[in-house]
C-alpha atoms as a PDB file:
ATOM      1  CA  UNK A   1    -164.966  30.586  -8.998  1.00  0.00           C
ATOM      2  CA  UNK A   2    -162.960  33.109  -6.612  1.00  0.00           C
ATOM      3  CA  UNK A   3    -159.459  33.655  -7.549  1.00  0.00           C
ATOM      4  CA  UNK A   4    -158.706  34.594  -3.928  1.00  0.00           C
ATOM      5  CA  UNK A   5    -157.759  31.418  -1.806  1.00  0.00           C
ATOM      6  CA  UNK A   6    -159.936  32.551   1.291  1.00  0.00           C
ATOM      7  CA  UNK A   7    -163.238  33.124  -0.889  1.00  0.00           C
ATOM      8  CA  UNK A   8    -162.446  29.660  -2.858  1.00  0.00           C
ATOM      9  CA  UNK A   9    -162.249  27.928   0.768  1.00  0.00           C
ATOM     10  CA  UNK A  10    -165.483  29.759   1.703  1.00  0.00           C
ATOM     11  CA  UNK A  11    -167.197  28.855  -1.996  1.00  0.00           C
ATOM     12  CA  UNK A  12    -166.134  25.366  -1.534  1.00  0.00           C
ATOM     13  CA  UNK A  13    -166.669  24.606   2.046  1.00  0.00           C
ATOM     14  CA  UNK A  14    -170.169  26.148   1.963  1.00  0.00           C
ATOM     15  CA  UNK A  15    -171.335  23.982  -1.171  1.00  0.00           C
ATOM     16  CA  UNK A  16    -169.670  20.720   0.259  1.00  0.00           C
ATOM     17  CA  UNK A  17    -170.954  21.501   3.887  1.00  0.00           C
ATOM     18  CA  UNK A  18    -174.397  22.062   2.530  1.00  0.00           C
ATOM     19  CA  UNK A  19    -174.520  18.820   0.532  1.00  0.00           C
ATOM     20  CA  UNK A  20    -172.955  16.652   2.462  1.00  0.00           C
ATOM     21  CA  UNK A  21    -172.691  18.251   6.293  1.00  0.00           C
ATOM     22  CA  UNK A  22    -170.092  19.338   7.957  1.00  0.00           C
ATOM     23  CA  UNK A  23    -169.049  16.142   9.804  1.00  0.00           C
ATOM     24  CA  UNK A  24    -169.053  14.298   6.473  1.00  0.00           C
ATOM     25  CA  UNK A  25    -166.724  17.110   4.863  1.00  0.00           C
ATOM     26  CA  UNK A  26    -162.908  16.826   5.658  1.00  0.00           C
ATOM     27  CA  UNK A  27    -160.362  19.537   4.933  1.00  0.00           C
ATOM     28  CA  UNK A  28    -158.527  17.288   2.436  1.00  0.00           C
ATOM     29  CA  UNK A  29    -161.710  17.328   0.070  1.00  0.00           C
ATOM     30  CA  UNK A  30    -162.088  21.214   0.500  1.00  0.00           C
ATOM     31  CA  UNK A  31    -158.605  21.802  -0.579  1.00  0.00           C
ATOM     32  CA  UNK A  32    -158.548  19.087  -3.332  1.00  0.00           C
ATOM     33  CA  UNK A  33    -161.857  20.659  -4.461  1.00  0.00           C
ATOM     34  CA  UNK A  34    -160.531  24.263  -4.039  1.00  0.00           C
ATOM     35  CA  UNK A  35    -157.400  23.685  -5.494  1.00  0.00           C
ATOM     36  CA  UNK A  36    -155.963  25.881  -2.293  1.00  0.00           C
ATOM     37  CA  UNK A  37    -152.890  24.475  -0.442  1.00  0.00           C
ATOM     38  CA  UNK A  38    -152.741  23.538   2.912  1.00  0.00           C
ATOM     39  CA  UNK A  39    -150.379  26.140   4.193  1.00  0.00           C
ATOM     40  CA  UNK A  40    -152.986  28.617   2.622  1.00  0.00           C
ATOM     41  CA  UNK A  41    -155.721  27.249   4.223  1.00  0.00           C
ATOM     42  CA  UNK A  42    -154.290  27.674   7.622  1.00  0.00           C
ATOM     43  CA  UNK A  43    -153.107  31.161   6.727  1.00  0.00           C
ATOM     44  CA  UNK A  44    -156.877  31.965   6.579  1.00  0.00           C
ATOM     45  CA  UNK A  45    -158.381  29.448   9.085  1.00  0.00           C
ATOM     46  CA  UNK A  46    -156.692  28.162  12.349  1.00  0.00           C
ATOM     47  CA  UNK A  47    -159.145  25.123  11.826  1.00  0.00           C
ATOM     48  CA  UNK A  48    -161.963  23.266   9.997  1.00  0.00           C
ATOM     49  CA  UNK A  49    -164.111  24.749  13.129  1.00  0.00           C
ATOM     50  CA  UNK A  50    -163.224  28.225  12.013  1.00  0.00           C
ATOM     51  CA  UNK A  51    -164.040  27.621   8.509  1.00  0.00           C
ATOM     52  CA  UNK A  52    -167.336  26.173   9.458  1.00  0.00           C
ATOM     53  CA  UNK A  53    -168.075  29.444  11.305  1.00  0.00           C
ATOM     54  CA  UNK A  54    -166.763  31.734   8.564  1.00  0.00           C
ATOM     55  CA  UNK A  55    -169.275  29.997   6.099  1.00  0.00           C
ATOM     56  CA  UNK A  56    -172.304  30.431   8.433  1.00  0.00           C
ATOM     57  CA  UNK A  57    -171.493  34.104   9.092  1.00  0.00           C
ATOM     58  CA  UNK A  58    -171.428  34.398   5.429  1.00  0.00           C
ATOM     59  CA  UNK A  59    -175.071  32.798   5.077  1.00  0.00           C
ATOM     60  CA  UNK A  60    -175.882  34.940   7.718  1.00  0.00           C
ATOM     61  CA  UNK A  61    -175.007  37.813   5.965  1.00  0.00           C
ATOM     62  CA  UNK A  62    -176.770  36.701   2.846  1.00  0.00           C
ATOM     63  CA  UNK A  63    -179.760  36.083   4.829  1.00  0.00           C
ATOM     64  CA  UNK A  64    -179.670  39.659   5.872  1.00  0.00           C
ATOM     65  CA  UNK A  65    -178.768  41.228   2.638  1.00  0.00           C
ATOM     66  CA  UNK A  66    -180.869  39.241   0.371  1.00  0.00           C
ATOM     67  CA  UNK A  67    -183.702  37.224   2.363  1.00  0.00           C
ATOM     68  CA  UNK A  68    -185.158  40.169   4.692  1.00  0.00           C
ATOM     69  CA  UNK A  69    -184.896  42.736   1.805  1.00  0.00           C
ATOM     70  CA  UNK A  70    -187.009  40.238  -0.202  1.00  0.00           C
ATOM     71  CA  UNK A  71    -189.574  39.989   2.570  1.00  0.00           C
ATOM     72  CA  UNK A  72    -189.639  43.804   2.933  1.00  0.00           C
ATOM     73  CA  UNK A  73    -190.216  44.666  -0.518  1.00  0.00           C
ATOM     74  CA  UNK A  74    -193.250  42.108  -0.587  1.00  0.00           C
ATOM     75  CA  UNK A  75    -194.893  44.629   2.440  1.00  0.00           C
ATOM     76  CA  UNK A  76    -192.711  43.044   5.429  1.00  0.00           C
ATOM     77  CA  UNK A  77    -195.885  41.274   6.519  1.00  0.00           C
ATOM     78  CA  UNK A  78    -195.286  38.198   9.066  1.00  0.00           C
ATOM     79  CA  UNK A  79    -196.651  36.183   5.962  1.00  0.00           C
ATOM     80  CA  UNK A  80    -194.473  37.365   3.562  1.00  0.00           C
ATOM     81  CA  UNK A  81    -191.601  35.038   5.216  1.00  0.00           C
ATOM     82  CA  UNK A  82    -193.329  32.002   4.398  1.00  0.00           C
ATOM     83  CA  UNK A  83    -193.682  32.913   0.615  1.00  0.00           C
ATOM     84  CA  UNK A  84    -190.120  33.849   0.406  1.00  0.00           C
ATOM     85  CA  UNK A  85    -189.551  30.279   2.019  1.00  0.00           C
ATOM     86  CA  UNK A  86    -192.138  28.900  -0.462  1.00  0.00           C
ATOM     87  CA  UNK A  87    -189.717  30.164  -3.401  1.00  0.00           C
ATOM     88  CA  UNK A  88    -186.593  28.628  -1.839  1.00  0.00           C
ATOM     89  CA  UNK A  89    -188.126  25.464  -1.150  1.00  0.00           C
ATOM     90  CA  UNK A  90    -188.928  25.172  -4.681  1.00  0.00           C
ATOM     91  CA  UNK A  91    -185.153  25.010  -5.696  1.00  0.00           C
ATOM     92  CA  UNK A  92    -183.815  21.727  -6.608  1.00  0.00           C
ATOM     93  CA  UNK A  93    -180.556  22.128  -4.386  1.00  0.00           C
ATOM     94  CA  UNK A  94    -182.740  22.616  -1.303  1.00  0.00           C
ATOM     95  CA  UNK A  95    -181.216  20.534   1.389  1.00  0.00           C
ATOM     96  CA  UNK A  96    -182.874  22.174   4.496  1.00  0.00           C
ATOM     97  CA  UNK A  97    -181.941  25.198   6.643  1.00  0.00           C
ATOM     98  CA  UNK A  98    -178.146  25.396   6.929  1.00  0.00           C
ATOM     99  CA  UNK A  99    -178.348  26.606  10.397  1.00  0.00           C
ATOM    100  CA  UNK A 100    -180.763  23.811  11.519  1.00  0.00           C
ATOM    101  CA  UNK A 101    -178.579  21.387  10.032  1.00  0.00           C
ATOM    102  CA  UNK A 102    -175.570  22.923  12.015  1.00  0.00           C
ATOM    103  CA  UNK A 103    -177.551  22.675  15.181  1.00  0.00           C
ATOM    104  CA  UNK A 104    -178.000  18.824  14.582  1.00  0.00           C
ATOM    105  CA  UNK A 105    -174.521  18.212  13.519  1.00  0.00           C
ATOM    106  CA  UNK A 106    -172.921  20.226  16.363  1.00  0.00           C
ATOM    107  CA  UNK A 107    -174.953  19.914  19.255  1.00  0.00           C
ATOM    108  CA  UNK A 108    -172.644  21.280  21.927  1.00  0.00           C
ATOM    109  CA  UNK A 109    -173.683  25.054  22.913  1.00  0.00           C
ATOM    110  CA  UNK A 110    -170.016  25.614  23.527  1.00  0.00           C
ATOM    111  CA  UNK A 111    -169.102  24.972  20.012  1.00  0.00           C
ATOM    112  CA  UNK A 112    -168.774  28.674  18.135  1.00  0.00           C
ATOM    113  CA  UNK A 113    -170.387  26.997  15.062  1.00  0.00           C
ATOM    114  CA  UNK A 114    -173.561  25.786  17.230  1.00  0.00           C
ATOM    115  CA  UNK A 115    -173.575  29.523  18.948  1.00  0.00           C
ATOM    116  CA  UNK A 116    -173.535  31.294  15.454  1.00  0.00           C
ATOM    117  CA  UNK A 117    -176.442  29.147  14.171  1.00  0.00           C
ATOM    118  CA  UNK A 118    -178.404  29.955  17.499  1.00  0.00           C
ATOM    119  CA  UNK A 119    -177.819  33.635  16.962  1.00  0.00           C
ATOM    120  CA  UNK A 120    -179.258  33.290  13.230  1.00  0.00           C
ATOM    121  CA  UNK A 121    -182.372  31.861  14.914  1.00  0.00           C
ATOM    122  CA  UNK A 122    -182.291  34.637  17.480  1.00  0.00           C
ATOM    123  CA  UNK A 123    -182.003  37.028  14.456  1.00  0.00           C
ATOM    124  CA  UNK A 124    -185.015  35.459  12.454  1.00  0.00           C
ATOM    125  CA  UNK A 125    -187.083  35.634  15.719  1.00  0.00           C
ATOM    126  CA  UNK A 126    -186.104  39.329  15.814  1.00  0.00           C
ATOM    127  CA  UNK A 127    -187.273  39.838  12.377  1.00  0.00           C
ATOM    128  CA  UNK A 128    -190.559  38.107  12.742  1.00  0.00           C
ATOM    129  CA  UNK A 129    -191.097  40.426  15.954  1.00  0.00           C
ATOM    130  CA  UNK A 130    -190.286  43.443  13.713  1.00  0.00           C
ATOM    131  CA  UNK A 131    -192.809  42.477  11.319  1.00  0.00           C
ATOM    132  CA  UNK A 132    -195.178  41.962  13.630  1.00  0.00           C
ATOM    133  CA  UNK A 133    -194.967  45.412  15.625  1.00  0.00           C
ATOM    134  CA  UNK A 134    -194.678  47.082  11.670  1.00  0.00           C
ATOM    135  CA  UNK A 135    -198.124  45.710  11.149  1.00  0.00           C
ATOM    136  CA  UNK A 136    -199.712  46.391  14.437  1.00  0.00           C
ATOM    137  CA  UNK A 137    -199.687  43.002  16.102  1.00  0.00           C
ATOM    138  CA  UNK A 138    -199.570  42.883  20.049  1.00  0.00           C
ATOM    139  CA  UNK A 139    -196.632  40.548  20.994  1.00  0.00           C
ATOM    140  CA  UNK A 140    -195.255  41.872  24.313  1.00  0.00           C
ATOM    141  CA  UNK A 141    -193.913  38.704  25.558  1.00  0.00           C
ATOM    142  CA  UNK A 142    -192.503  37.362  22.147  1.00  0.00           C
ATOM    143  CA  UNK A 143    -194.370  34.193  21.976  1.00  0.00           C
ATOM    144  CA  UNK A 144    -195.903  34.870  18.827  1.00  0.00           C
ATOM    145  CA  UNK A 145    -192.608  35.730  17.280  1.00  0.00           C
ATOM    146  CA  UNK A 146    -191.489  32.547  18.576  1.00  0.00           C
ATOM    147  CA  UNK A 147    -194.464  30.315  17.359  1.00  0.00           C
ATOM    148  CA  UNK A 148    -193.816  31.964  13.775  1.00  0.00           C
ATOM    149  CA  UNK A 149    -190.344  31.005  13.935  1.00  0.00           C
ATOM    150  CA  UNK A 150    -191.347  27.472  15.177  1.00  0.00           C
ATOM    151  CA  UNK A 151    -193.502  26.995  12.342  1.00  0.00           C
ATOM    152  CA  UNK A 152    -190.901  28.541   9.712  1.00  0.00           C
ATOM    153  CA  UNK A 153    -188.351  25.726  11.068  1.00  0.00           C
ATOM    154  CA  UNK A 154    -190.975  23.449  10.597  1.00  0.00           C
ATOM    155  CA  UNK A 155    -191.799  23.969   7.183  1.00  0.00           C
ATOM    156  CA  UNK A 156    -188.062  24.200   6.348  1.00  0.00           C
ATOM    157  CA  UNK A 157    -187.564  20.755   7.592  1.00  0.00           C
ATOM    158  CA  UNK A 158    -190.589  19.470   5.755  1.00  0.00           C
ATOM    159  CA  UNK A 159    -189.711  20.873   2.693  1.00  0.00           C
ATOM    160  CA  UNK A 160    -186.694  18.962   2.616  1.00  0.00           C
ATOM    161  CA  UNK A 161    -188.422  15.759   3.398  1.00  0.00           C
ATOM    162  CA  UNK A 162    -191.198  16.613   0.576  1.00  0.00           C
ATOM    163  CA  UNK A 163    -188.767  18.314  -1.681  1.00  0.00           C
ATOM    164  CA  UNK A 164    -191.946  20.739  -2.262  1.00  0.00           C
ATOM    165  CA  UNK A 165    -193.016  24.133  -1.423  1.00  0.00           C
ATOM    166  CA  UNK A 166    -196.304  23.135   0.192  1.00  0.00           C
ATOM    167  CA  UNK A 167    -195.031  22.805   3.729  1.00  0.00           C
ATOM    168  CA  UNK A 168    -194.349  26.871   3.362  1.00  0.00           C
ATOM    169  CA  UNK A 169    -197.861  27.109   2.514  1.00  0.00           C
ATOM    170  CA  UNK A 170    -199.092  25.162   5.182  1.00  0.00           C
ATOM    171  CA  UNK A 171    -197.034  26.815   7.668  1.00  0.00           C
ATOM    172  CA  UNK A 172    -198.443  30.101   6.085  1.00  0.00           C
ATOM    173  CA  UNK A 173    -202.045  28.818   6.895  1.00  0.00           C
ATOM    174  CA  UNK A 174    -201.416  27.913  10.574  1.00  0.00           C
ATOM    175  CA  UNK A 175    -199.780  31.437  10.888  1.00  0.00           C
ATOM    176  CA  UNK A 176    -202.631  33.371   9.474  1.00  0.00           C
ATOM    177  CA  UNK A 177    -204.931  31.443  12.208  1.00  0.00           C
ATOM    178  CA  UNK A 178    -202.469  32.746  14.902  1.00  0.00           C
ATOM    179  CA  UNK A 179    -202.373  36.169  13.677  1.00  0.00           C
ATOM    180  CA  UNK A 180    -206.564  36.279  13.236  1.00  0.00           C
ATOM    181  CA  UNK A 181    -206.173  35.491  16.930  1.00  0.00           C
ATOM    182  CA  UNK A 182    -204.029  38.004  17.906  1.00  0.00           C
ATOM    183  CA  UNK A 183    -204.828  41.783  18.961  1.00  0.00           C
ATOM    184  CA  UNK A 184    -204.071  44.776  16.634  1.00  0.00           C
ATOM    185  CA  UNK A 185    -203.427  48.130  17.267  1.00  0.00           C
ATOM    186  CA  UNK A 186    -203.856  50.734  14.490  1.00  0.00           C
ATOM    187  CA  UNK A 187    -201.014  52.234  13.213  1.00  0.00           C
ATOM    188  CA  UNK A 188    -200.183  55.743  14.114  1.00  0.00           C
ATOM    189  CA  UNK A 189    -201.695  58.284  12.242  1.00  0.00           C
ATOM    190  CA  UNK A 190    -199.694  60.479   9.665  1.00  0.00           C
ATOM    191  CA  UNK A 191    -198.585  63.586  11.218  1.00  0.00           C
ATOM    192  CA  UNK A 192    -200.333  66.867  10.094  1.00  0.00           C
ATOM    193  CA  UNK A 193    -198.927  68.855   7.348  1.00  0.00           C
ATOM    194  CA  UNK A 194    -196.316  71.394   8.592  1.00  0.00           C
ATOM    195  CA  UNK A 195    -197.741  75.214   8.310  1.00  0.00           C
ATOM    196  CA  UNK A 196    -195.790  77.292   5.907  1.00  0.00           C
END
């Protein structure tokens, strides 16, 4: 476990929030499990809500620095996101999408944690749009990226229920049908070799 008090609080809160929900986890439990004192907690976080936001920001950073590169390593095709999700669903500790869980637990759009979760979903939609564009799929109004995100989120929820990666593969199959019906533009030709 991290030695820095702030990191210990984040590590502990992330694990407990994910395992039992933000509403089911109190500050007293976080302090007890982390071994951090109350005064130290309030030096780092103004409230439990601020801690929830910090945990979500940390998870957003992890998605951007771990999940996105894993998709890009596979080729960055929109379907690759479902393959990476399938790997995640195979993990025994999978308890659903932390951002969807937050939206359910904290439904007030004015709450900072709710906004953080919405922004992550916007980032995921934008990533689908980026993958679509990189592979020549026409999506001028963004509808296809939204539909792919809906399939991705649905697979995440179903994967939690079924404790299986199968929903990711099912969602991938539906995504393949959507993509097959979508016009594509040929990739730009490579530039001519420069004259020397």
